[in-house]
Amino acid sequence: MENTLTLEQMLEMQKVLDARIIKEKGLEGVDLLPSTILALQVEIGELANEWRGFKHWSKNQKPRTRAVRNLGVDDIGVERGEAYNPLLEEYVDCLHFFLSIARQLNLTPDDLYCYDECVDGETSVLFTEILHQVGAIIGDKFLANPMENFDMHRKHFFKGALYAFYALGEQRLGFTFEQIAEAYTAKNKVNHDRQSNGY
C-alpha cells in the first residue's frame, strides 16, 4: 500500500481529534488521563472479546474478522451493509486511546517505536499483561503526583503496554502495519464525523 501513515502522522491526527473533543465538550484544563486509561482498558476487553480465544467454554473460539454493519447509535459515518473486520476495528480503537495517552504524557513520536522482537507466552497472557501495564501507568502514586517517577510510568507505557500491544497486533492477530494505519485513518474519520453529528 502506498503512502502508509507513520506513527508520527497518527499521533498528530490523534492530537487534532483530542483537541477538537476537548474544545467542543468544554474540557479545557480537565485531567483526562484517568478516564482515557479506563477507556483503553474497556477497549482492550472489547478487542479480547472479538479475538475469542480465551473463551474455553465456547465452541466458537475463532477471531471475528468479518461482519456486516447494521446501523446503530454508534454507527455515525459508516454505511449499513458495509463489511468490516471487527477484530481490526477494536484494535485501532485501542490505538486511538494509546495515542491519546501518549499525547497526555507528552511523549514524542520517537517514544512510540518499539523493538521488533517476538513476545513469548499465550495470547491470553499477553492481553492480561497489557491490561496490567496500562493500569500501572496511573497507579495511586502517579495520580497523586504525576511528575514523581515519571520515567517509570513512561516505561510502563511504551516499554510495557505499547510494546505488548504492537506484538499482539502483528505477531498474534496477524495485522500488518499498513492494515493498522488504513483502519486507524478510517476510524479517525468516523470519530470526527461523530463529533460533527453531536455524538
N, C-alpha and C. Protein backbone atom coordinates (compact mmCIF):
# COMPACT_ATOMS: atom_id res chain seq x y z
N MET A 1 0.85 -1.19 0.00
CA MET A 1 0.00 0.00 0.00
C MET A 1 0.89 1.24 0.00
N GLU A 2 0.66 2.14 -0.91
CA GLU A 2 1.44 3.36 -0.98
C GLU A 2 0.95 4.38 0.03
N ASN A 3 1.86 5.26 0.42
CA ASN A 3 1.53 6.38 1.31
C ASN A 3 0.94 5.93 2.64
N THR A 4 1.49 4.88 3.22
CA THR A 4 1.04 4.43 4.53
C THR A 4 1.42 5.48 5.56
N LEU A 5 0.50 5.76 6.45
CA LEU A 5 0.78 6.71 7.52
C LEU A 5 1.90 6.20 8.41
N THR A 6 2.62 7.13 9.00
CA THR A 6 3.61 6.78 10.01
C THR A 6 2.98 6.95 11.38
N LEU A 7 3.65 6.43 12.40
CA LEU A 7 3.18 6.64 13.77
C LEU A 7 3.14 8.13 14.11
N GLU A 8 4.12 8.88 13.60
CA GLU A 8 4.14 10.32 13.84
C GLU A 8 2.87 10.98 13.30
N GLN A 9 2.46 10.57 12.10
CA GLN A 9 1.26 11.14 11.50
C GLN A 9 0.01 10.75 12.27
N MET A 10 -0.02 9.49 12.72
CA MET A 10 -1.18 9.06 13.51
C MET A 10 -1.24 9.82 14.83
N LEU A 11 -0.10 10.05 15.46
CA LEU A 11 -0.08 10.82 16.70
C LEU A 11 -0.60 12.24 16.45
N GLU A 12 -0.20 12.84 15.35
CA GLU A 12 -0.69 14.19 15.02
C GLU A 12 -2.19 14.18 14.76
N MET A 13 -2.68 13.15 14.07
CA MET A 13 -4.12 13.04 13.84
C MET A 13 -4.87 12.90 15.16
N GLN A 14 -4.28 12.14 16.09
CA GLN A 14 -4.92 11.97 17.39
C GLN A 14 -4.94 13.28 18.17
N LYS A 15 -3.86 14.05 18.06
CA LYS A 15 -3.81 15.34 18.74
C LYS A 15 -4.91 16.26 18.23
N VAL A 16 -5.15 16.25 16.92
CA VAL A 16 -6.21 17.08 16.33
C VAL A 16 -7.58 16.63 16.84
N LEU A 17 -7.82 15.31 16.83
CA LEU A 17 -9.10 14.79 17.31
C LEU A 17 -9.30 15.12 18.79
N ASP A 18 -8.28 14.88 19.60
CA ASP A 18 -8.38 15.18 21.04
C ASP A 18 -8.65 16.65 21.29
N ALA A 19 -7.93 17.52 20.56
CA ALA A 19 -8.13 18.97 20.73
C ALA A 19 -9.56 19.36 20.38
N ARG A 20 -10.09 18.77 19.34
CA ARG A 20 -11.47 19.06 18.94
C ARG A 20 -12.45 18.62 20.03
N ILE A 21 -12.28 17.41 20.54
CA ILE A 21 -13.16 16.91 21.59
C ILE A 21 -13.07 17.77 22.84
N ILE A 22 -11.85 18.12 23.23
CA ILE A 22 -11.65 18.95 24.42
C ILE A 22 -12.34 20.29 24.26
N LYS A 23 -12.18 20.92 23.10
CA LYS A 23 -12.80 22.23 22.87
C LYS A 23 -14.32 22.13 22.81
N GLU A 24 -14.82 21.19 22.01
CA GLU A 24 -16.27 21.10 21.81
C GLU A 24 -17.03 20.60 23.04
N LYS A 25 -16.36 19.83 23.88
CA LYS A 25 -17.01 19.32 25.10
C LYS A 25 -16.69 20.17 26.33
N GLY A 26 -15.94 21.27 26.14
CA GLY A 26 -15.62 22.16 27.26
C GLY A 26 -14.74 21.51 28.32
N LEU A 27 -13.73 20.77 27.88
CA LEU A 27 -12.89 20.01 28.81
C LEU A 27 -11.51 20.63 29.02
N GLU A 28 -11.34 21.89 28.63
CA GLU A 28 -10.05 22.54 28.81
C GLU A 28 -9.67 22.52 30.29
N GLY A 29 -8.43 22.14 30.58
CA GLY A 29 -7.94 22.12 31.95
C GLY A 29 -8.35 20.90 32.76
N VAL A 30 -9.13 19.99 32.19
CA VAL A 30 -9.57 18.80 32.90
C VAL A 30 -8.53 17.69 32.69
N ASP A 31 -8.16 16.99 33.77
CA ASP A 31 -7.25 15.86 33.68
C ASP A 31 -8.02 14.67 33.11
N LEU A 32 -7.77 14.36 31.86
CA LEU A 32 -8.50 13.29 31.18
C LEU A 32 -7.77 11.95 31.22
N LEU A 33 -6.59 11.91 31.82
CA LEU A 33 -5.81 10.68 31.81
C LEU A 33 -6.53 9.52 32.49
N PRO A 34 -7.11 9.68 33.68
CA PRO A 34 -7.79 8.54 34.30
C PRO A 34 -8.92 7.97 33.43
N SER A 35 -9.73 8.83 32.84
CA SER A 35 -10.84 8.31 32.02
C SER A 35 -10.33 7.72 30.70
N THR A 36 -9.22 8.25 30.20
CA THR A 36 -8.65 7.70 28.97
C THR A 36 -8.06 6.32 29.23
N ILE A 37 -7.42 6.15 30.39
CA ILE A 37 -6.89 4.84 30.76
C ILE A 37 -8.03 3.83 30.89
N LEU A 38 -9.10 4.23 31.56
CA LEU A 38 -10.26 3.33 31.70
C LEU A 38 -10.84 3.00 30.33
N ALA A 39 -10.97 4.00 29.47
CA ALA A 39 -11.50 3.75 28.12
C ALA A 39 -10.62 2.75 27.37
N LEU A 40 -9.30 2.88 27.51
CA LEU A 40 -8.39 1.94 26.86
C LEU A 40 -8.59 0.54 27.42
N GLN A 41 -8.72 0.43 28.73
CA GLN A 41 -8.92 -0.89 29.32
C GLN A 41 -10.22 -1.53 28.83
N VAL A 42 -11.27 -0.73 28.70
CA VAL A 42 -12.54 -1.24 28.16
C VAL A 42 -12.35 -1.71 26.72
N GLU A 43 -11.64 -0.92 25.91
CA GLU A 43 -11.41 -1.29 24.52
C GLU A 43 -10.56 -2.54 24.40
N ILE A 44 -9.58 -2.71 25.30
CA ILE A 44 -8.78 -3.94 25.29
C ILE A 44 -9.67 -5.14 25.57
N GLY A 45 -10.62 -4.98 26.49
CA GLY A 45 -11.59 -6.04 26.75
C GLY A 45 -12.46 -6.33 25.54
N GLU A 46 -12.87 -5.28 24.83
CA GLU A 46 -13.66 -5.48 23.61
C GLU A 46 -12.84 -6.17 22.53
N LEU A 47 -11.56 -5.83 22.44
CA LEU A 47 -10.67 -6.50 21.49
C LEU A 47 -10.55 -7.98 21.84
N ALA A 48 -10.35 -8.28 23.11
CA ALA A 48 -10.27 -9.68 23.54
C ALA A 48 -11.57 -10.42 23.22
N ASN A 49 -12.69 -9.74 23.38
CA ASN A 49 -13.98 -10.37 23.09
C ASN A 49 -14.11 -10.73 21.61
N GLU A 50 -13.58 -9.89 20.73
CA GLU A 50 -13.61 -10.20 19.29
C GLU A 50 -12.58 -11.28 18.94
N TRP A 51 -11.48 -11.35 19.69
CA TRP A 51 -10.48 -12.40 19.47
C TRP A 51 -11.04 -13.77 19.85
N ARG A 52 -11.73 -13.87 20.97
CA ARG A 52 -12.48 -15.03 21.41
C ARG A 52 -11.65 -16.21 21.88
N GLY A 53 -10.35 -16.17 21.74
CA GLY A 53 -9.50 -17.31 22.05
C GLY A 53 -9.48 -17.72 23.51
N PHE A 54 -9.88 -16.83 24.40
CA PHE A 54 -9.90 -17.15 25.83
C PHE A 54 -11.19 -17.86 26.24
N LYS A 55 -12.16 -17.94 25.34
CA LYS A 55 -13.49 -18.47 25.69
C LYS A 55 -13.48 -20.00 25.63
N HIS A 56 -12.80 -20.62 26.61
CA HIS A 56 -12.67 -22.07 26.63
C HIS A 56 -14.02 -22.78 26.77
N TRP A 57 -15.04 -22.07 27.17
CA TRP A 57 -16.38 -22.65 27.34
C TRP A 57 -17.18 -22.64 26.05
N SER A 58 -16.64 -22.02 25.00
CA SER A 58 -17.39 -21.86 23.76
C SER A 58 -16.84 -22.77 22.66
N LYS A 59 -17.72 -23.23 21.80
CA LYS A 59 -17.29 -23.98 20.62
C LYS A 59 -16.67 -23.06 19.58
N ASN A 60 -17.03 -21.77 19.64
CA ASN A 60 -16.54 -20.79 18.67
C ASN A 60 -15.46 -19.93 19.31
N GLN A 61 -14.22 -20.33 19.09
CA GLN A 61 -13.10 -19.57 19.63
C GLN A 61 -12.30 -18.88 18.53
N LYS A 62 -12.85 -18.84 17.34
CA LYS A 62 -12.15 -18.20 16.23
C LYS A 62 -12.38 -16.69 16.28
N PRO A 63 -11.34 -15.92 15.95
CA PRO A 63 -11.50 -14.46 15.94
C PRO A 63 -12.57 -14.01 14.94
N ARG A 64 -13.27 -12.96 15.31
CA ARG A 64 -14.28 -12.38 14.40
C ARG A 64 -13.57 -11.37 13.51
N THR A 65 -13.36 -11.77 12.27
CA THR A 65 -12.62 -10.92 11.33
C THR A 65 -13.48 -10.43 10.18
N ARG A 66 -14.74 -10.83 10.17
CA ARG A 66 -15.63 -10.34 9.11
C ARG A 66 -17.04 -10.26 9.65
N ALA A 67 -17.64 -9.09 9.44
CA ALA A 67 -19.03 -8.86 9.83
C ALA A 67 -19.61 -7.83 8.89
N VAL A 68 -20.92 -7.70 8.91
CA VAL A 68 -21.62 -6.70 8.11
C VAL A 68 -22.32 -5.76 9.07
N ARG A 69 -22.20 -4.47 8.82
CA ARG A 69 -22.76 -3.48 9.73
C ARG A 69 -24.27 -3.39 9.63
N ASN A 70 -24.88 -3.31 10.78
CA ASN A 70 -26.26 -2.87 10.92
C ASN A 70 -26.17 -1.51 11.58
N LEU A 71 -26.98 -0.58 11.18
CA LEU A 71 -26.87 0.75 11.75
C LEU A 71 -27.34 0.76 13.19
N GLY A 72 -26.57 1.43 14.00
CA GLY A 72 -26.90 1.60 15.41
C GLY A 72 -26.52 3.00 15.85
N VAL A 73 -26.72 3.28 17.10
CA VAL A 73 -26.48 4.63 17.61
C VAL A 73 -25.02 5.06 17.44
N ASP A 74 -24.07 4.12 17.48
CA ASP A 74 -22.66 4.47 17.38
C ASP A 74 -22.12 4.42 15.95
N ASP A 75 -22.97 4.17 14.98
CA ASP A 75 -22.51 3.96 13.62
C ASP A 75 -22.59 5.19 12.73
N ILE A 76 -22.41 6.36 13.32
CA ILE A 76 -22.36 7.59 12.53
C ILE A 76 -21.10 7.53 11.66
N GLY A 77 -21.23 7.84 10.39
CA GLY A 77 -20.10 7.86 9.49
C GLY A 77 -19.82 6.53 8.80
N VAL A 78 -20.65 5.53 9.03
CA VAL A 78 -20.50 4.25 8.35
C VAL A 78 -21.81 3.91 7.65
N GLU A 79 -21.73 2.97 6.73
CA GLU A 79 -22.91 2.64 5.94
C GLU A 79 -23.45 1.27 6.29
N ARG A 80 -24.79 1.15 6.31
CA ARG A 80 -25.44 -0.14 6.54
C ARG A 80 -24.99 -1.10 5.45
N GLY A 81 -24.74 -2.34 5.85
CA GLY A 81 -24.35 -3.36 4.89
C GLY A 81 -22.86 -3.38 4.59
N GLU A 82 -22.12 -2.44 5.13
CA GLU A 82 -20.68 -2.38 4.89
C GLU A 82 -19.99 -3.54 5.61
N ALA A 83 -19.13 -4.27 4.90
CA ALA A 83 -18.35 -5.34 5.51
C ALA A 83 -17.16 -4.72 6.23
N TYR A 84 -16.80 -5.30 7.37
CA TYR A 84 -15.66 -4.79 8.13
C TYR A 84 -15.05 -5.91 8.96
N ASN A 85 -13.89 -5.64 9.50
CA ASN A 85 -13.17 -6.58 10.34
C ASN A 85 -13.30 -6.12 11.79
N PRO A 86 -14.20 -6.74 12.58
CA PRO A 86 -14.41 -6.29 13.97
C PRO A 86 -13.14 -6.37 14.81
N LEU A 87 -12.30 -7.38 14.59
CA LEU A 87 -11.08 -7.53 15.36
C LEU A 87 -10.12 -6.37 15.09
N LEU A 88 -9.94 -6.03 13.82
CA LEU A 88 -9.07 -4.92 13.45
C LEU A 88 -9.65 -3.59 13.94
N GLU A 89 -10.96 -3.43 13.84
CA GLU A 89 -11.58 -2.19 14.28
C GLU A 89 -11.39 -1.99 15.79
N GLU A 90 -11.53 -3.04 16.56
CA GLU A 90 -11.30 -2.92 18.01
C GLU A 90 -9.83 -2.62 18.30
N TYR A 91 -8.94 -3.20 17.51
CA TYR A 91 -7.51 -2.94 17.69
C TYR A 91 -7.20 -1.45 17.48
N VAL A 92 -7.76 -0.87 16.42
CA VAL A 92 -7.46 0.55 16.18
C VAL A 92 -8.22 1.45 17.16
N ASP A 93 -9.33 0.99 17.72
CA ASP A 93 -9.96 1.75 18.81
C ASP A 93 -8.98 1.85 19.97
N CYS A 94 -8.32 0.73 20.28
CA CYS A 94 -7.30 0.75 21.33
C CYS A 94 -6.17 1.70 20.95
N LEU A 95 -5.74 1.64 19.69
CA LEU A 95 -4.65 2.51 19.25
C LEU A 95 -4.99 3.98 19.43
N HIS A 96 -6.24 4.36 19.15
CA HIS A 96 -6.65 5.75 19.38
C HIS A 96 -6.39 6.16 20.83
N PHE A 97 -6.76 5.30 21.76
CA PHE A 97 -6.57 5.65 23.17
C PHE A 97 -5.10 5.58 23.58
N PHE A 98 -4.33 4.63 23.04
CA PHE A 98 -2.89 4.62 23.30
C PHE A 98 -2.26 5.93 22.86
N LEU A 99 -2.63 6.39 21.67
CA LEU A 99 -2.05 7.65 21.16
C LEU A 99 -2.53 8.85 21.98
N SER A 100 -3.75 8.81 22.45
CA SER A 100 -4.26 9.89 23.29
C SER A 100 -3.49 9.92 24.62
N ILE A 101 -3.20 8.76 25.17
CA ILE A 101 -2.41 8.70 26.40
C ILE A 101 -1.00 9.22 26.14
N ALA A 102 -0.41 8.83 25.01
CA ALA A 102 0.92 9.33 24.65
C ALA A 102 0.92 10.85 24.58
N ARG A 103 -0.13 11.43 24.01
CA ARG A 103 -0.24 12.88 23.94
C ARG A 103 -0.33 13.47 25.34
N GLN A 104 -1.13 12.87 26.20
CA GLN A 104 -1.31 13.39 27.55
C GLN A 104 -0.04 13.26 28.39
N LEU A 105 0.79 12.26 28.08
CA LEU A 105 2.06 12.09 28.79
C LEU A 105 3.20 12.87 28.13
N ASN A 106 2.86 13.65 27.09
CA ASN A 106 3.85 14.43 26.35
C ASN A 106 4.97 13.59 25.76
N LEU A 107 4.62 12.40 25.28
CA LEU A 107 5.60 11.56 24.63
C LEU A 107 5.83 12.05 23.21
N THR A 108 7.00 11.81 22.72
CA THR A 108 7.34 12.19 21.35
C THR A 108 7.07 11.01 20.42
N PRO A 109 7.02 11.26 19.12
CA PRO A 109 6.86 10.13 18.20
C PRO A 109 7.95 9.08 18.37
N ASP A 110 9.18 9.50 18.70
CA ASP A 110 10.26 8.53 18.92
C ASP A 110 9.94 7.58 20.06
N ASP A 111 9.19 8.04 21.04
CA ASP A 111 8.82 7.19 22.17
C ASP A 111 7.84 6.08 21.78
N LEU A 112 7.25 6.19 20.60
CA LEU A 112 6.23 5.24 20.19
C LEU A 112 6.78 4.02 19.47
N TYR A 113 8.07 4.06 19.15
CA TYR A 113 8.66 2.93 18.43
C TYR A 113 9.22 1.93 19.40
N CYS A 114 8.98 0.66 19.13
CA CYS A 114 9.43 -0.43 20.00
C CYS A 114 10.32 -1.36 19.20
N TYR A 115 11.10 -2.13 19.91
CA TYR A 115 11.97 -3.11 19.26
C TYR A 115 11.13 -4.19 18.59
N ASP A 116 11.62 -4.69 17.47
CA ASP A 116 10.93 -5.73 16.72
C ASP A 116 11.39 -7.09 17.22
N GLU A 117 10.80 -7.53 18.32
CA GLU A 117 11.15 -8.81 18.90
C GLU A 117 9.86 -9.61 19.10
N CYS A 118 10.03 -10.92 19.20
CA CYS A 118 8.87 -11.76 19.47
C CYS A 118 8.55 -11.73 20.96
N VAL A 119 7.31 -11.91 21.27
CA VAL A 119 6.86 -11.96 22.66
C VAL A 119 6.45 -13.38 22.96
N ASP A 120 6.95 -13.91 24.05
CA ASP A 120 6.63 -15.28 24.44
C ASP A 120 5.34 -15.31 25.25
N GLY A 121 4.75 -16.51 25.32
CA GLY A 121 3.56 -16.70 26.14
C GLY A 121 2.30 -16.75 25.30
N GLU A 122 1.26 -17.22 25.93
CA GLU A 122 -0.03 -17.34 25.26
C GLU A 122 -0.64 -15.97 25.01
N THR A 123 -1.49 -15.89 24.02
CA THR A 123 -2.15 -14.63 23.69
C THR A 123 -2.99 -14.14 24.87
N SER A 124 -3.65 -15.04 25.58
CA SER A 124 -4.44 -14.63 26.75
C SER A 124 -3.56 -13.94 27.78
N VAL A 125 -2.35 -14.45 27.97
CA VAL A 125 -1.42 -13.85 28.92
C VAL A 125 -0.99 -12.47 28.42
N LEU A 126 -0.80 -12.33 27.13
CA LEU A 126 -0.40 -11.05 26.56
C LEU A 126 -1.49 -10.00 26.78
N PHE A 127 -2.74 -10.36 26.59
CA PHE A 127 -3.85 -9.44 26.89
C PHE A 127 -3.79 -9.00 28.35
N THR A 128 -3.60 -9.96 29.24
CA THR A 128 -3.55 -9.65 30.67
C THR A 128 -2.38 -8.73 31.00
N GLU A 129 -1.23 -8.98 30.37
CA GLU A 129 -0.05 -8.13 30.60
C GLU A 129 -0.30 -6.71 30.13
N ILE A 130 -0.95 -6.56 28.99
CA ILE A 130 -1.27 -5.21 28.50
C ILE A 130 -2.17 -4.49 29.50
N LEU A 131 -3.21 -5.16 29.96
CA LEU A 131 -4.11 -4.54 30.95
C LEU A 131 -3.35 -4.17 32.21
N HIS A 132 -2.47 -5.04 32.66
CA HIS A 132 -1.68 -4.75 33.86
C HIS A 132 -0.79 -3.53 33.65
N GLN A 133 -0.08 -3.48 32.53
CA GLN A 133 0.83 -2.36 32.27
C GLN A 133 0.06 -1.05 32.08
N VAL A 134 -1.09 -1.12 31.44
CA VAL A 134 -1.91 0.09 31.27
C VAL A 134 -2.35 0.61 32.64
N GLY A 135 -2.79 -0.30 33.50
CA GLY A 135 -3.19 0.11 34.84
C GLY A 135 -2.05 0.70 35.63
N ALA A 136 -0.83 0.18 35.40
CA ALA A 136 0.34 0.67 36.13
C ALA A 136 0.70 2.11 35.75
N ILE A 137 0.24 2.55 34.60
CA ILE A 137 0.55 3.92 34.17
C ILE A 137 0.00 4.92 35.17
N ILE A 138 -1.18 4.65 35.69
CA ILE A 138 -1.79 5.62 36.61
C ILE A 138 -2.13 4.99 37.95
N GLY A 139 -1.15 4.33 38.52
CA GLY A 139 -1.34 3.83 39.87
C GLY A 139 -1.57 4.97 40.84
N ASP A 140 -1.88 4.65 42.07
CA ASP A 140 -2.19 5.67 43.08
C ASP A 140 -1.12 6.75 43.18
N LYS A 141 0.16 6.34 43.14
CA LYS A 141 1.24 7.33 43.27
C LYS A 141 1.24 8.29 42.08
N PHE A 142 0.98 7.75 40.90
CA PHE A 142 1.02 8.61 39.71
C PHE A 142 -0.13 9.61 39.73
N LEU A 143 -1.30 9.17 40.13
CA LEU A 143 -2.44 10.08 40.19
C LEU A 143 -2.22 11.17 41.24
N ALA A 144 -1.56 10.81 42.34
CA ALA A 144 -1.31 11.80 43.40
C ALA A 144 -0.26 12.81 42.96
N ASN A 145 0.74 12.37 42.23
CA ASN A 145 1.82 13.26 41.79
C ASN A 145 2.36 12.76 40.47
N PRO A 146 1.77 13.20 39.36
CA PRO A 146 2.13 12.64 38.05
C PRO A 146 3.60 12.80 37.68
N MET A 147 4.27 13.83 38.17
CA MET A 147 5.65 14.04 37.77
C MET A 147 6.63 13.19 38.59
N GLU A 148 6.18 12.70 39.75
CA GLU A 148 7.03 11.82 40.55
C GLU A 148 7.12 10.48 39.82
N ASN A 149 8.32 9.96 39.66
CA ASN A 149 8.55 8.69 38.97
C ASN A 149 8.01 8.70 37.54
N PHE A 150 8.07 9.86 36.89
CA PHE A 150 7.53 9.97 35.54
C PHE A 150 8.18 8.98 34.58
N ASP A 151 9.50 8.83 34.69
CA ASP A 151 10.19 7.91 33.79
C ASP A 151 9.70 6.48 33.97
N MET A 152 9.39 6.10 35.21
CA MET A 152 8.89 4.75 35.45
C MET A 152 7.53 4.57 34.76
N HIS A 153 6.69 5.57 34.84
CA HIS A 153 5.36 5.46 34.22
C HIS A 153 5.47 5.48 32.71
N ARG A 154 6.40 6.25 32.20
CA ARG A 154 6.67 6.25 30.77
C ARG A 154 7.11 4.86 30.33
N LYS A 155 7.97 4.24 31.16
CA LYS A 155 8.44 2.89 30.85
C LYS A 155 7.27 1.92 30.81
N HIS A 156 6.36 2.00 31.78
CA HIS A 156 5.19 1.13 31.77
C HIS A 156 4.40 1.33 30.48
N PHE A 157 4.36 2.58 30.01
CA PHE A 157 3.58 2.87 28.81
C PHE A 157 4.22 2.28 27.57
N PHE A 158 5.43 2.75 27.22
CA PHE A 158 5.92 2.35 25.91
C PHE A 158 6.86 1.16 25.92
N LYS A 159 7.42 0.77 27.05
CA LYS A 159 8.23 -0.45 27.11
C LYS A 159 7.37 -1.64 27.53
N GLY A 160 6.27 -1.37 28.19
CA GLY A 160 5.40 -2.46 28.64
C GLY A 160 4.14 -2.56 27.80
N ALA A 161 3.21 -1.65 28.03
CA ALA A 161 1.89 -1.74 27.41
C ALA A 161 1.95 -1.59 25.89
N LEU A 162 2.59 -0.54 25.42
CA LEU A 162 2.59 -0.27 23.98
C LEU A 162 3.35 -1.35 23.22
N TYR A 163 4.50 -1.77 23.75
CA TYR A 163 5.27 -2.83 23.11
C TYR A 163 4.45 -4.10 23.00
N ALA A 164 3.81 -4.50 24.10
CA ALA A 164 2.98 -5.70 24.09
C ALA A 164 1.80 -5.54 23.13
N PHE A 165 1.25 -4.33 23.05
CA PHE A 165 0.13 -4.07 22.14
C PHE A 165 0.56 -4.24 20.69
N TYR A 166 1.73 -3.70 20.33
CA TYR A 166 2.24 -3.89 18.97
C TYR A 166 2.43 -5.37 18.67
N ALA A 167 3.04 -6.08 19.61
CA ALA A 167 3.28 -7.51 19.42
C ALA A 167 1.97 -8.27 19.26
N LEU A 168 0.98 -7.90 20.04
CA LEU A 168 -0.33 -8.53 19.94
C LEU A 168 -0.89 -8.35 18.53
N GLY A 169 -0.84 -7.13 18.02
CA GLY A 169 -1.41 -6.85 16.70
C GLY A 169 -0.70 -7.56 15.57
N GLU A 170 0.62 -7.48 15.56
CA GLU A 170 1.37 -8.02 14.43
C GLU A 170 1.69 -9.50 14.58
N GLN A 171 2.09 -9.94 15.78
CA GLN A 171 2.53 -11.33 15.94
C GLN A 171 1.39 -12.29 16.25
N ARG A 172 0.36 -11.82 16.94
CA ARG A 172 -0.70 -12.73 17.37
C ARG A 172 -1.97 -12.60 16.55
N LEU A 173 -2.34 -11.35 16.22
CA LEU A 173 -3.59 -11.16 15.48
C LEU A 173 -3.35 -11.09 13.98
N GLY A 174 -2.10 -10.96 13.57
CA GLY A 174 -1.73 -11.04 12.17
C GLY A 174 -1.95 -9.80 11.34
N PHE A 175 -2.02 -8.64 11.98
CA PHE A 175 -2.22 -7.40 11.24
C PHE A 175 -0.88 -6.84 10.76
N THR A 176 -0.87 -6.34 9.54
CA THR A 176 0.30 -5.61 9.07
C THR A 176 0.19 -4.16 9.51
N PHE A 177 1.32 -3.47 9.52
CA PHE A 177 1.29 -2.06 9.88
C PHE A 177 0.41 -1.29 8.89
N GLU A 178 0.44 -1.67 7.63
CA GLU A 178 -0.36 -1.00 6.60
C GLU A 178 -1.86 -1.16 6.89
N GLN A 179 -2.27 -2.35 7.29
CA GLN A 179 -3.68 -2.57 7.64
C GLN A 179 -4.07 -1.72 8.86
N ILE A 180 -3.21 -1.67 9.83
CA ILE A 180 -3.48 -0.88 11.04
C ILE A 180 -3.60 0.59 10.69
N ALA A 181 -2.66 1.09 9.88
CA ALA A 181 -2.67 2.51 9.51
C ALA A 181 -3.92 2.87 8.72
N GLU A 182 -4.31 2.00 7.79
CA GLU A 182 -5.51 2.26 6.99
C GLU A 182 -6.76 2.25 7.87
N ALA A 183 -6.85 1.27 8.76
CA ALA A 183 -8.01 1.18 9.65
C ALA A 183 -8.03 2.35 10.64
N TYR A 184 -6.86 2.78 11.10
CA TYR A 184 -6.79 3.93 12.01
C TYR A 184 -7.33 5.18 11.31
N THR A 185 -6.90 5.39 10.08
CA THR A 185 -7.35 6.55 9.31
C THR A 185 -8.87 6.54 9.14
N ALA A 186 -9.42 5.38 8.78
CA ALA A 186 -10.86 5.27 8.59
C ALA A 186 -11.61 5.54 9.89
N LYS A 187 -11.13 4.99 11.01
CA LYS A 187 -11.82 5.17 12.28
C LYS A 187 -11.66 6.59 12.79
N ASN A 188 -10.53 7.22 12.52
CA ASN A 188 -10.33 8.61 12.91
C ASN A 188 -11.36 9.49 12.21
N LYS A 189 -11.62 9.20 10.93
CA LYS A 189 -12.64 9.96 10.19
C LYS A 189 -14.02 9.74 10.81
N VAL A 190 -14.34 8.49 11.15
CA VAL A 190 -15.62 8.19 11.80
C VAL A 190 -15.74 8.97 13.11
N ASN A 191 -14.66 9.01 13.88
CA ASN A 191 -14.69 9.74 15.16
C ASN A 191 -14.93 11.23 14.95
N HIS A 192 -14.35 11.81 13.90
CA HIS A 192 -14.62 13.22 13.58
C HIS A 192 -16.08 13.38 13.14
N ASP A 193 -16.58 12.45 12.32
CA ASP A 193 -17.97 12.51 11.89
C ASP A 193 -18.92 12.45 13.09
N ARG A 194 -18.58 11.63 14.04
CA ARG A 194 -19.41 11.52 15.26
C ARG A 194 -19.45 12.85 16.01
N GLN A 195 -18.32 13.51 16.11
CA GLN A 195 -18.28 14.81 16.78
C GLN A 195 -19.12 15.84 16.03
N SER A 196 -19.08 15.78 14.69
CA SER A 196 -19.87 16.71 13.86
C SER A 196 -21.36 16.47 14.00
N ASN A 197 -21.73 15.25 14.40
CA ASN A 197 -23.15 14.90 14.49
C ASN A 197 -23.65 14.81 15.93
N GLY A 198 -22.94 15.45 16.86
CA GLY A 198 -23.42 15.54 18.23
C GLY A 198 -23.30 14.27 19.03
N TYR A 199 -22.31 13.44 18.73
CA TYR A 199 -22.11 12.17 19.44
C TYR A 199 -21.84 12.39 20.91
